[in-house]
Structures are given as structure tokens and as C-alpha cells.
């Protein structure tokens, strides 16, 4: 281990942690077989003495799947694993694995067949996770597998539309598109994963209720909207909004307008942050307006890990109370 540390230029404890991590992952049958397969390939050049009593475990293993095979099969198999109720079943002595889908009425249907070497590569890439072990081991698609499926799907769409490669190949795996209707019954497509509030709203507490309720998310989005409007500069071109109408044609909004333009938005943001005070205002500004993740906000403010989400919920509760005292606003974007 010390020799490896000198070669890699790191501390020996780093090598030890990596070794322990690999040993822990070898509890997964696919990963254990994959490492044995790789070890057998590395020793293939060494002279081997065959035994007349050679057991199946000592026979030469077939080669591991190459990257071209994995790339060719990844999109098809990950699409099947991403379906509701889908899982991968791998038997200990079988050369093939099966992707099954369990319906609501309890019936199980086979949707795809996977080479064992490809399944081992999926396990090494953390695209699948082991649910339970036994004679037949069950695997589910992991978070990394869903992200890889989104990336491969975006690359396939870009390739089909005529692009050589996707302009942002790793951006699609972080998007979560949703379509909803606004107050004017218009369909709006937006990325739910853009805001940290939307990600927290999908998390459940022990009692099954969401960590952030809808009204708390709405309060944070209201602060973000005011923050974005406050960044707008004054109108410098001709204003045609009030063409052929009397009075107040040169301003962005009328004097009696609901929003009051960017200046009024800055005042509303400042009033909300004054109401929250130090600490609560900082986390609300970073997470709601700057769209920083909770881990990054905790590091910047020197907080302990996993404490930011509690402080953010308290800030949103106070922010909601502040907006409730102001009443409803009409005429703005949201």
C-alpha cells in the first residue's frame, strides 16, 4: 500500500480507504464476479497448469464487455430499468440476466435479456444497486443510472436531429422537466431540478408528508421572482405598451401598476430580507435567489452538514408569514 501511495502521490491511508471500499462492494455478487473476471484476464498471459479435476469456478472466464458493447446496450437496458416496477434478476449460475417488470396486479413480465458481463459493468458503474441477495439477486436502477439514462437519451435525440454530439452532454442528466398550466391556462415547461426548493419538496419525512409544503415553496418562488425582476434595467427604447392611450406612456409600468417595476421589486426583496434577519435571510437569498445547493450554502456559511435544510424551512415559514401580512399580489409574472 505504501508503494502504491508513492506511485499515486497520495497518503497510504487514502489507498487503504479505497481498498476497504472495494472489499465492501465485493459483497455484491456482480461486482465480485466482475473483479474475478478482470483478475483472470490479467493472469491470462501467465502459464497455467490444467488440472484433470478442474471445477467450474476455475475454468477460464469469458472476456468482460468492452466499452462499445456497454454503450450500445446502455440506452436500451436503462430505459427498461427506468420503467415503474422494473428490476433486474441475476441468478448465480446463469450467463444471462433478465429485466422484469411487475405490474399493479402482481403479474411479472420479462422485458429484456442482459448478458452477464454487461450487468457486471452496470454494477461497476453504480448504475444498479443490489436490493436483496440470494440464489437470485435483485437489482434496481440507481440515481446514477437514472442520470446516465437522461444523458444518453439527450445524446440520442441530438444525434437523431443531426448534431454530431450533444452541446451539453452532462446537463440533461440534471434536468427534471415538468409541464403545468398557469393562471391563464397556458402550458409552461420548466425544469423542476433547477431550484433547490423543488428538490426538497419531493423529499418525504417519516410520517410521509413532504419536507416543504406547497405554500412554503410558493413563498420562496415569490422571493426569487422579485429578485429576478429587480435585476431588470430601465427601459431605454420606445414603450408601445400604452400606444394611443392617454398619459403615462413613457414609463415601464404605470404609477398605479401592481408591480412598480424593478425599483419596487428591489424594495420588496429588501423588506423580505429585513424581516428574516441575519442567518435566515442569508440562506433564503442563497437557496431561493442564487439557486445554490444546500451543501454549498452550508460550506459558505460555515454550518454543520445537514443543518441547512432545517434553517431553510424556518426561513420559508417566516417568509410565508411576511407575505401573508402583505396580502395577495396581482399583475406580476407568477
Foldseek 3Di string as FASTA:
>chain_A
DVVVCVVVVHDVVVVVVVVVVLVVLCVPVLQVVLVVLVVLVVCVVPDDDDDPPDDPVRDRDDHADDPVVLLVCLLVVLVLLPDPQWKKKDADPDQKIWIWHADPVGDIDTDDIGGSSSVSVCVVVQQWDWDDDDRITIIHGDLVVQLVNQLSVQQVVCVVVPDPGDPDSNPRSQFDWDWDADPVRDIDIDTQSQAQVSVQQPDADPVGHGLADPLLVVLLLVLQQLLVQLPDDFDDDQQCPQPPHDDDRRGPDDPPALQNTNVSSVVVNVVLLVQLDPPLSQLSCCRSHVVDHQVVSCVVVVHDPPPSSVSPNVSSVSSSVVVVVVPDTPDGDD
